[in-house]
Each structure stands twice: as C-alpha cells, then as structure tokens.
Amino acid sequence: MAAASALLGGCAFTPPPREAPPSPPPLPVAVEKHQFSVAGDESVVGHLASVETREGDTLSDIARHYGLGFRELTEANPGLDPWVPEAGRRLVLPLQFTLPDAPRKGVVINLATMRLYHFPPKSADGAVSTYPVGIGKEGRSTPTGYMTVVRKTEFPTWYPTENIRKDHALKGDPLPAAVSPGPDNPLGDFAMYLSRPQYLIHGTNKPYSIGFRASNGCIRLYPEDIAAVFPEVKPGAAVRIVNQPYLVGRKGGQVYLEAHEPYEELNQARLKSELTAKLKRLEKKEGIVLDWPKVEQVLSEARGIPVPIQVNSPPASAALAQATQLQRPAAWSGRPELPPENANGWLVRAATTREELSARRVAAVLNHQGPPIPARAVKSGDGYEVLAGPFKDGKEAKSAAKRLKIDLELDAEVRPPADAVRVAGAKPLPQTGQ
C-alpha cells in the first residue's frame, strides 16, 4: 500500500537493498596426519582429505607435506602423473588408516602399506602415532617377524655391509668401510638398531624415497618423522614387522576393507582365499551380510582407502566425495628449491627430448634425488633439454654427471660456463621448485 501511494504521488520507490549472501567459510588448512586415538575394537583411524593441484606440483612434495608416502598417494589417485600432475585436479589424501592385525604394543610396521605405527606404553586413551616409511627393495626385502630395539644413536656412522660395498663397486661407486655423519650418510640423523643384526629404523638423506622399495632392507623415515619417533621409542621396545596388503577394520559399527597391491613375492591368490575365509567367518559369527561385489571391487582397485563393505553401506565414491577439502599451503614443506641461475656456473645436460612433459618429468625427478640435483627443463631448438646445475666448478659438475649415470642410467654431458651464458636467458618451463 505504501509503495502504491508513493508511485501515485509521483515519488520514486526504492526497495531496501538485499543483503549479500554470507561468504563460505574458509577451507581448513590441515587435518591430523600422525596422532590418533583408537578405542575398543575399532581399528580405522583418521579421515580422508583432498587438495587441488596446481602447475608445478609433484606428488612427492604433496605426500611429504601431508605425512604420506609416494606409493600411498599414487595408489589413491590412479592415472595421475606423479611428477607432472594435471593442474586443477582434486587430489585425494588417504589420511585414513586401518591398523594392522598385530598386538597394539610398541612399534608395528606394515610393509604392504609402507607405514609405521607406534603404540606408547600405558596409554589410557588408545593413542597411536603413524608415519610413512621406505622399505627394502626387491631382492633385499625387509624381513618380517618380532624384534626389539637394542640401542639408539643420534648422528650415526654407517658401516655398509660387504654385499652393499660390492654392489656399489660394480656400479663404479666404491664405498668406504665407514661413512661419517653428514649429508652423504644414508642413515640421516637418527638410528634405532634392531635385535636382528644389520637391520635398523633410521632417517635418510633421500627423503623422497619414502613410499618406495629402495633400501637395502632397513626401515627409513622422513627426517622430520624420525626426529619425532626417536625420543618416544625406548630401548627394549617391541618391533613387529608384518606384510598385510588386505586389512579388515572397524569403525562406527561398520566393517571396512582396505586393499593394496601385494608385492610380487607374495602369493596373491592365497591371500585372497584367506581373506574370503576370514570374511565368511565374520559373517557367520556376527550375523552380518557383506556386499561381496563391493569386496571384489575394493580388491581390484587396490587404492589403499578403507571402504565399508556391509550390504547397504555407502559406496566408496561417497567417502571420496565427503573427503575434507583443504586449503593449499603457501608452500609445500620440505620442497627442494632451485638455486638462482648463474652464468658463470657449470651445467650438466641430463637429457634431451622432443616432448615438453618428458623434459619436465625428468627435471622433477632430478630435483627429488637425495641429495637433490637441481635441474630445469628448457626449450632448445625443436625440442627440450634438462639442464642440471649450476655447479661451482667442473669437479662438482662431473660428480653430478656420475650420479646421474649410476642412479638413473642417464648419459649426461658436462657443459662449461660458456654454455651456461648461452642458456642463462632462456625461460625455464613450469616445474617444481619455482
């Protein structure tokens, strides 16, 4: 009525301004990645999360930032290039874990998931901490079984075994009888010696080997993780090492299944048969009905994500859709940074290729060696080059070229500073470390 009167009287009517819709709440920056509590008969801890990828990311950098290993992140995100991932993708962070089938005492390591669990003594709230690990390579698998921590050492000296020294000598990389503490020591800054001779839990000078089968049988952790574990694990602590790719767990009254691709030395058919028998016993004992097609799907996909498997339980896609989306950090913690270009520095041409993605991939791999070999992918004529450096002198450049040959079988070419001048003005392609 008032509006009609205003119009009839020749006055303009201005409706009250609409209030702007409230801004969405900011995305959380982090979720818990190491410290959890588990009560009663539950055995699934943590929560799935996600983060958006951008150009220049690598899965190695993202994995380390969120307390994950390389294999965990690649399993959870199949089909994504780990070294040059597509920008704008929603990356699943598998920060939900199924505890191994083992006593919850001391240290438990599951080789299949490449994950260490520590159950502190006399914990009233079911506390457990967990960290990703690197394990023994094929042919030098980490042994399973019960052991104890015999002693602990800060800034350890490494005494390579005769077999390790032989292997290095055959590659043209002879090792001394003892390697002092420092950047070239593969044990890192902390070591815990196990009751089984020659096996340790230690740090590393190759942090981006976490989540790989890359050691000579020892268990290695990120430098920041071994620094957290070392003071908590006392001499005499129990260490149980298992190899369980198929994990049955419980959370909130639901039965979960987490599956990883078994290592080739395991009998996959037997493992599946044993799992089927275990699940059938569970159905009979508890009067529940499992969704067997979903069980087969979880085993087939082997994404390392706990999935509820009872009939009428939510599909795996629902859990992924509900993963907590995280805000990207300003920088990935621990990411190797490229040194500034130096026209007077020596370079090493590590690779040439006609494909830009291949060049960026090789550069990313080199930047994540241990210690890192700084590298850039640059346009060169009709193709691309991967240039490592700059190095302060020819000796340092030749040493890097030798490492490329031994570690990655790359036939590298050392280039003097005159060539560095030529490429100093070239615009590097987008890549990690920039």
Protein backbone atom coordinates (compact mmCIF):
# COMPACT_ATOMS: atom_id res chain seq x y z
CA MET A 1 0.00 0.00 0.00
CA ALA A 2 2.79 2.42 0.90
CA ALA A 3 4.55 1.58 -2.35
CA ALA A 4 1.37 2.23 -4.35
CA SER A 5 0.88 5.59 -2.60
CA ALA A 6 4.43 6.61 -3.37
CA LEU A 7 4.01 5.81 -7.06
CA LEU A 8 0.66 7.61 -7.30
CA GLY A 9 2.17 10.64 -5.63
CA GLY A 10 4.91 10.75 -8.26
CA CYS A 11 7.69 9.73 -5.89
CA ALA A 12 10.23 7.06 -6.80
CA PHE A 13 10.18 3.95 -4.62
CA THR A 14 13.47 2.27 -3.86
CA PRO A 15 13.22 -1.23 -2.38
CA PRO A 16 15.54 -1.95 0.54
CA PRO A 17 18.93 -3.31 -0.58
CA ARG A 18 19.34 -7.06 -0.48
CA GLU A 19 21.86 -8.39 1.93
CA ALA A 20 24.83 -10.09 0.29
CA PRO A 21 24.88 -13.84 0.86
CA PRO A 22 27.33 -14.87 3.56
CA SER A 23 30.79 -15.82 2.36
CA PRO A 24 31.55 -19.52 2.51
CA PRO A 25 33.69 -20.47 5.49
CA PRO A 26 37.40 -20.70 4.70
CA LEU A 27 38.74 -24.14 3.91
CA PRO A 28 40.69 -25.81 6.72
CA VAL A 29 44.45 -25.67 6.32
CA ALA A 30 45.22 -29.11 7.75
CA VAL A 31 43.85 -32.30 9.26
CA GLU A 32 45.54 -34.61 11.72
CA LYS A 33 48.08 -36.81 9.97
CA HIS A 34 50.11 -38.51 12.72
CA GLN A 35 48.44 -38.64 16.16
CA PHE A 36 45.21 -40.57 16.73
CA SER A 37 43.18 -42.32 19.43
CA VAL A 38 41.52 -45.67 18.86
CA ALA A 39 39.05 -47.14 21.32
CA GLY A 40 37.71 -50.62 21.97
CA ASP A 41 37.51 -52.91 18.98
CA GLU A 42 37.78 -50.11 16.41
CA SER A 43 40.74 -50.21 14.06
CA VAL A 44 40.21 -47.48 11.45
CA VAL A 45 41.64 -44.06 12.31
CA GLY A 46 41.88 -40.70 10.58
CA HIS A 47 39.84 -39.03 7.84
CA LEU A 48 40.16 -38.67 4.08
CA ALA A 49 41.06 -35.23 2.79
CA SER A 50 41.68 -33.59 -0.58
CA VAL A 51 43.59 -30.68 -2.07
CA GLU A 52 43.62 -29.09 -5.51
CA THR A 53 46.70 -29.47 -7.71
CA ARG A 54 48.41 -26.59 -9.49
CA GLU A 55 51.02 -26.35 -12.19
CA GLY A 56 54.46 -27.12 -10.80
CA ASP A 57 53.23 -29.58 -8.17
CA THR A 58 54.61 -33.09 -7.74
CA LEU A 59 53.00 -35.88 -5.77
CA SER A 60 56.30 -36.31 -3.88
CA ASP A 61 56.06 -32.78 -2.46
CA ILE A 62 52.38 -33.12 -1.59
CA ALA A 63 52.92 -36.53 0.02
CA ARG A 64 55.67 -35.25 2.29
CA HIS A 65 53.69 -32.17 3.32
CA TYR A 66 50.75 -34.30 4.46
CA GLY A 67 52.73 -37.09 6.13
CA LEU A 68 52.17 -39.61 3.33
CA GLY A 69 54.46 -41.81 1.28
CA PHE A 70 54.77 -41.73 -2.50
CA ARG A 71 53.03 -45.09 -3.02
CA GLU A 72 50.09 -44.17 -0.78
CA LEU A 73 49.35 -41.04 -2.80
CA THR A 74 49.77 -42.68 -6.21
CA GLU A 75 47.59 -45.65 -5.20
CA ALA A 76 44.80 -43.34 -4.04
CA ASN A 77 44.97 -41.29 -7.26
CA PRO A 78 45.37 -43.78 -10.12
CA GLY A 79 46.15 -42.46 -13.57
CA LEU A 80 47.62 -39.17 -12.36
CA ASP A 81 51.18 -38.35 -13.46
CA PRO A 82 53.09 -38.18 -10.15
CA TRP A 83 55.80 -35.85 -11.47
CA VAL A 84 53.74 -33.54 -13.69
CA PRO A 85 50.16 -33.86 -12.39
CA GLU A 86 47.38 -32.10 -14.24
CA ALA A 87 46.54 -28.73 -12.68
CA GLY A 88 43.10 -28.24 -11.16
CA ARG A 89 42.62 -31.88 -10.13
CA ARG A 90 41.08 -32.81 -6.77
CA LEU A 91 43.81 -34.92 -5.22
CA VAL A 92 42.68 -37.48 -2.63
CA LEU A 93 44.83 -37.52 0.52
CA PRO A 94 44.47 -41.03 2.02
CA LEU A 95 44.79 -39.95 5.65
CA GLN A 96 42.54 -42.71 6.92
CA PHE A 97 44.35 -45.87 8.00
CA THR A 98 43.43 -49.42 9.02
CA LEU A 99 45.60 -50.71 11.84
CA PRO A 100 47.48 -53.94 11.08
CA ASP A 101 46.34 -57.22 12.61
CA ALA A 102 49.00 -57.27 15.35
CA PRO A 103 49.27 -56.58 19.10
CA ARG A 104 48.98 -52.86 19.83
CA LYS A 105 52.26 -52.63 21.66
CA GLY A 106 55.48 -50.86 20.79
CA VAL A 107 56.22 -50.43 17.09
CA VAL A 108 54.26 -52.20 14.34
CA ILE A 109 55.36 -51.83 10.71
CA ASN A 110 53.21 -52.99 7.81
CA LEU A 111 55.41 -53.45 4.75
CA ALA A 112 52.42 -53.71 2.42
CA THR A 113 51.19 -50.22 3.34
CA MET A 114 54.69 -48.82 3.98
CA ARG A 115 53.55 -47.42 7.32
CA LEU A 116 54.88 -47.48 10.88
CA TYR A 117 52.61 -47.39 13.94
CA HIS A 118 53.76 -46.62 17.47
CA PHE A 119 51.60 -47.56 20.44
CA PRO A 120 53.06 -45.81 23.50
CA PRO A 121 53.15 -47.85 26.72
CA LYS A 122 50.49 -47.25 29.39
CA SER A 123 48.32 -45.12 27.11
CA ALA A 124 44.86 -44.73 28.64
CA ASP A 125 43.20 -43.27 25.53
CA GLY A 126 44.35 -45.81 22.95
CA ALA A 127 46.89 -43.41 21.47
CA VAL A 128 48.68 -44.36 18.28
CA SER A 129 51.04 -42.38 16.07
CA THR A 130 51.72 -43.33 12.47
CA TYR A 131 54.29 -42.38 9.83
CA PRO A 132 55.10 -43.42 6.25
CA VAL A 133 58.28 -45.41 5.62
CA GLY A 134 60.55 -46.67 2.87
CA ILE A 135 61.43 -50.37 2.89
CA GLY A 136 63.77 -52.94 1.39
CA LYS A 137 63.95 -53.21 -2.40
CA GLU A 138 63.19 -56.38 -4.34
CA GLY A 139 65.88 -58.94 -3.63
CA ARG A 140 66.63 -57.29 -0.29
CA SER A 141 63.18 -57.31 1.26
CA THR A 142 62.74 -56.14 4.82
CA PRO A 143 62.24 -59.25 6.99
CA THR A 144 59.01 -59.81 8.88
CA GLY A 145 58.75 -61.03 12.46
CA TYR A 146 59.25 -59.94 16.06
CA MET A 147 62.30 -57.89 17.06
CA THR A 148 63.27 -55.36 19.71
CA VAL A 149 65.12 -52.06 19.75
CA VAL A 150 68.60 -52.85 21.05
CA ARG A 151 70.10 -49.36 21.07
CA LYS A 152 69.62 -45.87 19.67
CA THR A 153 72.16 -43.45 18.23
CA GLU A 154 72.00 -39.80 17.23
CA PHE A 155 74.22 -38.81 14.27
CA PRO A 156 75.13 -42.43 13.49
CA THR A 157 78.07 -43.67 11.45
CA TRP A 158 77.09 -46.02 8.64
CA TYR A 159 79.04 -49.24 8.21
CA PRO A 160 77.93 -50.70 4.86
CA THR A 161 77.90 -54.49 4.64
CA GLU A 162 80.25 -56.36 2.36
CA ASN A 163 77.44 -57.06 -0.11
CA ILE A 164 76.45 -53.40 -0.27
CA ARG A 165 80.06 -52.36 -0.86
CA LYS A 166 80.34 -54.97 -3.62
CA ASP A 167 77.22 -53.68 -5.35
CA HIS A 168 78.45 -50.10 -5.25
CA ALA A 169 81.89 -51.09 -6.53
CA LEU A 170 80.31 -52.87 -9.52
CA LYS A 171 78.46 -49.64 -10.35
CA GLY A 172 81.69 -47.65 -10.21
CA ASP A 173 80.72 -46.05 -6.92
CA PRO A 174 83.04 -47.58 -4.29
CA LEU A 175 82.09 -47.02 -0.66
CA PRO A 176 84.43 -46.59 2.30
CA ALA A 177 84.24 -49.02 5.22
CA ALA A 178 82.56 -46.30 7.29
CA VAL A 179 80.51 -43.23 6.33
CA SER A 180 80.60 -40.45 8.93
CA PRO A 181 77.53 -38.41 9.94
CA GLY A 182 76.61 -35.76 7.41
CA PRO A 183 74.68 -35.16 4.17
CA ASP A 184 76.16 -38.23 2.46
CA ASN A 185 75.14 -40.61 5.25
CA PRO A 186 72.02 -42.60 4.24
CA LEU A 187 71.04 -43.16 7.90
CA GLY A 188 70.24 -39.49 8.42
CA ASP A 189 70.49 -38.04 11.92
CA PHE A 190 68.86 -40.81 13.98
CA ALA A 191 69.09 -44.61 14.03
CA MET A 192 67.47 -47.34 16.12
CA TYR A 193 69.26 -50.68 15.90
CA LEU A 194 67.11 -53.82 15.95
CA SER A 195 67.78 -57.20 17.55
CA ARG A 196 68.04 -58.73 14.10
CA PRO A 197 71.62 -57.87 13.07
CA GLN A 198 72.16 -55.27 10.32
CA TYR A 199 68.56 -54.01 10.38
CA LEU A 200 67.67 -50.51 11.58
CA ILE A 201 64.89 -47.96 11.74
CA HIS A 202 66.51 -44.69 10.71
CA GLY A 203 66.24 -41.35 8.96
CA THR A 204 67.50 -40.70 5.45
CA ASN A 205 69.35 -38.29 3.20
CA LYS A 206 66.91 -39.29 0.44
CA PRO A 207 63.58 -38.09 1.83
CA TYR A 208 61.74 -38.64 -1.43
CA SER A 209 62.45 -42.36 -1.26
CA ILE A 210 59.77 -42.67 1.43
CA GLY A 211 56.97 -44.74 -0.04
CA PHE A 212 59.38 -46.68 -2.25
CA ARG A 213 61.08 -50.05 -2.02
CA ALA A 214 64.53 -48.52 -2.16
CA SER A 215 66.59 -49.52 0.90
CA ASN A 216 68.88 -52.48 1.50
CA GLY A 217 66.35 -53.89 3.96
CA CYS A 218 66.19 -51.20 6.66
CA ILE A 219 63.17 -49.06 7.50
CA ARG A 220 63.64 -45.38 6.69
CA LEU A 221 61.52 -42.35 7.64
CA TYR A 222 61.34 -38.71 6.60
CA PRO A 223 63.90 -36.67 8.62
CA GLU A 224 61.11 -34.81 10.43
CA ASP A 225 59.32 -38.06 11.30
CA ILE A 226 62.31 -39.96 12.70
CA ALA A 227 63.01 -36.87 14.83
CA ALA A 228 59.52 -37.29 16.34
CA VAL A 229 59.67 -41.08 16.74
CA PHE A 230 63.24 -41.35 18.08
CA PRO A 231 62.64 -39.91 21.60
CA GLU A 232 59.35 -41.83 22.01
CA VAL A 233 60.67 -45.35 21.33
CA LYS A 234 62.83 -46.65 24.17
CA PRO A 235 65.50 -49.38 24.07
CA GLY A 236 63.83 -52.74 24.59
CA ALA A 237 60.65 -51.68 22.78
CA ALA A 238 58.92 -54.38 20.75
CA VAL A 239 59.03 -54.11 16.96
CA ARG A 240 56.68 -56.28 14.91
CA ILE A 241 57.03 -56.23 11.13
CA VAL A 242 54.14 -57.66 9.10
CA ASN A 243 53.21 -57.76 5.41
CA GLN A 244 49.42 -57.36 5.22
CA PRO A 245 48.07 -55.90 1.95
CA TYR A 246 44.43 -56.75 2.81
CA LEU A 247 43.23 -55.17 6.05
CA VAL A 248 39.85 -55.70 7.71
CA GLY A 249 38.89 -52.96 10.15
CA ARG A 250 36.01 -51.50 12.13
CA LYS A 251 34.71 -48.01 12.66
CA GLY A 252 31.33 -46.77 13.88
CA GLY A 253 29.80 -50.24 13.82
CA GLN A 254 30.80 -50.84 10.19
CA VAL A 255 33.24 -53.40 8.78
CA TYR A 256 35.84 -51.88 6.45
CA LEU A 257 38.24 -53.35 3.90
CA GLU A 258 41.46 -51.64 2.82
CA ALA A 259 43.39 -53.19 -0.08
CA HIS A 260 46.86 -52.61 -1.51
CA GLU A 261 48.51 -54.32 -4.46
CA PRO A 262 50.53 -57.21 -2.95
CA TYR A 263 54.26 -57.31 -3.64
CA GLU A 264 55.34 -59.84 -6.23
CA GLU A 265 56.96 -62.13 -3.65
CA LEU A 266 53.55 -62.71 -2.03
CA ASN A 267 51.03 -65.27 -3.30
CA GLN A 268 48.08 -63.07 -4.25
CA ALA A 269 45.68 -65.98 -4.88
CA ARG A 270 46.37 -67.41 -1.44
CA LEU A 271 45.96 -64.01 0.21
CA LYS A 272 42.55 -63.55 -1.43
CA SER A 273 41.48 -67.05 -0.41
CA GLU A 274 42.50 -66.40 3.21
CA LEU A 275 40.67 -63.05 3.20
CA THR A 276 37.49 -64.64 1.82
CA ALA A 277 37.56 -67.30 4.54
CA LYS A 278 38.11 -64.64 7.21
CA LEU A 279 35.20 -62.52 5.98
CA LYS A 280 32.86 -65.53 5.80
CA ARG A 281 33.74 -66.43 9.38
CA LEU A 282 32.96 -62.84 10.35
CA GLU A 283 29.55 -63.02 8.64
CA LYS A 284 28.67 -66.24 10.45
CA LYS A 285 29.95 -65.18 13.86
CA GLU A 286 28.30 -61.74 13.93
CA GLY A 287 25.23 -62.37 11.80
CA ILE A 288 26.08 -59.66 9.28
CA VAL A 289 25.84 -59.70 5.49
CA LEU A 290 28.71 -58.42 3.39
CA ASP A 291 28.47 -56.87 -0.06
CA TRP A 292 30.66 -59.34 -1.94
CA PRO A 293 30.67 -57.45 -5.28
CA LYS A 294 31.97 -54.43 -3.35
CA VAL A 295 34.65 -56.62 -1.74
CA GLU A 296 35.79 -57.66 -5.23
CA GLN A 297 35.79 -54.03 -6.36
CA VAL A 298 37.94 -52.92 -3.42
CA LEU A 299 40.43 -55.73 -4.09
CA SER A 300 40.51 -54.99 -7.81
CA GLU A 301 41.03 -51.23 -7.43
CA ALA A 302 43.51 -51.57 -4.52
CA ARG A 303 43.51 -47.83 -3.77
CA GLY A 304 44.63 -48.18 -0.16
CA ILE A 305 41.48 -46.48 1.14
CA PRO A 306 39.28 -48.10 3.85
CA VAL A 307 35.82 -48.83 2.37
CA PRO A 308 32.73 -50.08 4.31
CA ILE A 309 31.73 -53.48 2.88
CA GLN A 310 28.46 -54.44 4.59
CA VAL A 311 25.30 -54.65 2.49
CA ASN A 312 23.63 -51.23 2.13
CA SER A 313 26.78 -49.42 3.31
CA PRO A 314 27.72 -46.23 1.44
CA PRO A 315 29.72 -46.72 -1.77
CA ALA A 316 33.41 -45.84 -1.88
CA SER A 317 32.54 -42.83 -4.04
CA ALA A 318 30.53 -41.36 -1.16
CA ALA A 319 33.53 -41.43 1.17
CA LEU A 320 35.70 -39.81 -1.50
CA ALA A 321 33.09 -37.12 -2.14
CA GLN A 322 32.95 -36.31 1.59
CA ALA A 323 36.73 -36.02 1.96
CA THR A 324 37.67 -32.80 3.76
CA GLN A 325 38.81 -30.28 1.16
CA LEU A 326 41.90 -28.45 2.40
CA GLN A 327 43.23 -25.02 1.59
CA ARG A 328 46.52 -25.13 -0.29
CA PRO A 329 49.50 -24.05 1.81
CA ALA A 330 51.68 -21.14 0.79
CA ALA A 331 54.46 -23.66 0.10
CA TRP A 332 54.94 -27.41 0.39
CA SER A 333 57.07 -28.15 3.44
CA GLY A 334 60.44 -29.61 2.55
CA ARG A 335 60.09 -28.92 -1.17
CA PRO A 336 63.51 -28.60 -2.84
CA GLU A 337 64.09 -25.08 -4.14
CA LEU A 338 66.11 -24.36 -7.26
CA PRO A 339 69.20 -22.18 -6.81
CA PRO A 340 69.38 -18.96 -8.85
CA GLU A 341 70.80 -19.29 -12.34
CA ASN A 342 74.46 -18.40 -12.61
CA ALA A 343 76.02 -17.53 -15.95
CA ASN A 344 79.43 -18.46 -14.51
CA GLY A 345 78.28 -21.85 -13.26
CA TRP A 346 78.87 -25.25 -14.78
CA LEU A 347 75.93 -27.21 -16.16
CA VAL A 348 75.14 -30.85 -16.86
CA ARG A 349 72.83 -31.73 -19.72
CA ALA A 350 70.92 -34.64 -18.21
CA ALA A 351 68.53 -35.37 -21.06
CA THR A 352 67.15 -34.21 -24.41
CA THR A 353 63.65 -34.92 -25.66
CA ARG A 354 61.12 -33.69 -28.18
CA GLU A 355 58.32 -33.70 -25.60
CA GLU A 356 57.84 -30.91 -23.07
CA LEU A 357 56.16 -33.15 -20.49
CA SER A 358 59.03 -35.64 -20.65
CA ALA A 359 61.55 -32.86 -20.00
CA ARG A 360 59.56 -31.51 -17.07
CA ARG A 361 59.17 -35.02 -15.67
CA VAL A 362 62.93 -35.71 -15.78
CA ALA A 363 63.68 -32.33 -14.17
CA ALA A 364 61.21 -33.07 -11.36
CA VAL A 365 62.79 -36.47 -10.71
CA LEU A 366 66.27 -34.93 -10.51
CA ASN A 367 65.10 -32.23 -8.10
CA HIS A 368 63.86 -35.00 -5.80
CA GLN A 369 67.01 -37.09 -5.71
CA GLY A 370 68.88 -37.40 -2.45
CA PRO A 371 70.69 -35.09 -2.11
CA PRO A 372 68.75 -33.12 -4.78
CA ILE A 373 70.29 -32.43 -8.18
CA PRO A 374 68.89 -29.00 -9.16
CA ALA A 375 67.51 -29.19 -12.70
CA ARG A 376 65.43 -27.15 -15.13
CA ALA A 377 63.61 -28.08 -18.32
CA VAL A 378 64.29 -25.51 -21.07
CA LYS A 379 63.28 -25.11 -24.73
CA SER A 380 66.11 -25.89 -27.11
CA GLY A 381 65.53 -25.61 -30.86
CA ASP A 382 62.80 -28.02 -31.87
CA GLY A 383 62.99 -29.92 -28.60
CA TYR A 384 63.75 -29.61 -24.91
CA GLU A 385 66.75 -30.08 -22.66
CA VAL A 386 67.01 -30.90 -18.98
CA LEU A 387 69.90 -28.91 -17.54
CA ALA A 388 71.23 -29.67 -14.06
CA GLY A 389 73.11 -27.04 -12.11
CA PRO A 390 74.59 -24.54 -11.85
CA PHE A 391 77.65 -26.12 -10.21
CA LYS A 392 80.55 -24.14 -8.82
CA ASP A 393 83.26 -25.97 -10.79
CA GLY A 394 83.93 -28.79 -13.21
CA LYS A 395 84.63 -31.29 -10.44
CA GLU A 396 81.21 -30.77 -8.89
CA ALA A 397 79.55 -30.99 -12.31
CA LYS A 398 81.36 -34.24 -13.16
CA SER A 399 80.34 -35.69 -9.80
CA ALA A 400 76.69 -34.89 -10.58
CA ALA A 401 77.01 -36.46 -14.03
CA LYS A 402 78.42 -39.60 -12.43
CA ARG A 403 75.48 -39.77 -10.01
CA LEU A 404 73.05 -39.45 -12.92
CA LYS A 405 74.70 -42.40 -14.63
CA ILE A 406 74.86 -44.60 -11.52
CA ASP A 407 71.46 -43.80 -10.02
CA LEU A 408 69.32 -43.15 -13.11
CA GLU A 409 71.36 -44.55 -16.03
CA LEU A 410 71.36 -41.15 -17.75
CA ASP A 411 74.25 -40.37 -20.09
CA ALA A 412 74.88 -36.79 -19.04
CA GLU A 413 77.12 -34.19 -20.69
CA VAL A 414 79.12 -31.67 -18.67
CA ARG A 415 78.98 -28.11 -20.02
CA PRO A 416 81.41 -25.35 -19.06
CA PRO A 417 80.36 -21.80 -18.05
CA ALA A 418 80.43 -20.62 -21.68
CA ASP A 419 77.37 -22.77 -22.33
CA ALA A 420 75.78 -21.52 -19.13
CA VAL A 421 75.92 -17.98 -20.53
CA ARG A 422 74.02 -19.17 -23.60
CA VAL A 423 71.12 -20.63 -21.62
CA ALA A 424 71.05 -18.10 -18.78
CA GLY A 425 68.43 -16.02 -20.57
CA ALA A 426 66.26 -18.98 -21.55
CA LYS A 427 62.91 -19.13 -19.84
CA PRO A 428 62.57 -22.39 -17.87
CA LEU A 429 59.38 -24.38 -18.29
CA PRO A 430 56.98 -24.51 -15.31
CA GLN A 431 58.23 -27.12 -12.87
CA THR A 432 58.56 -27.87 -9.20
CA GLY A 433 60.92 -25.76 -7.15
CA GLN A 434 59.90 -22.48 -8.76
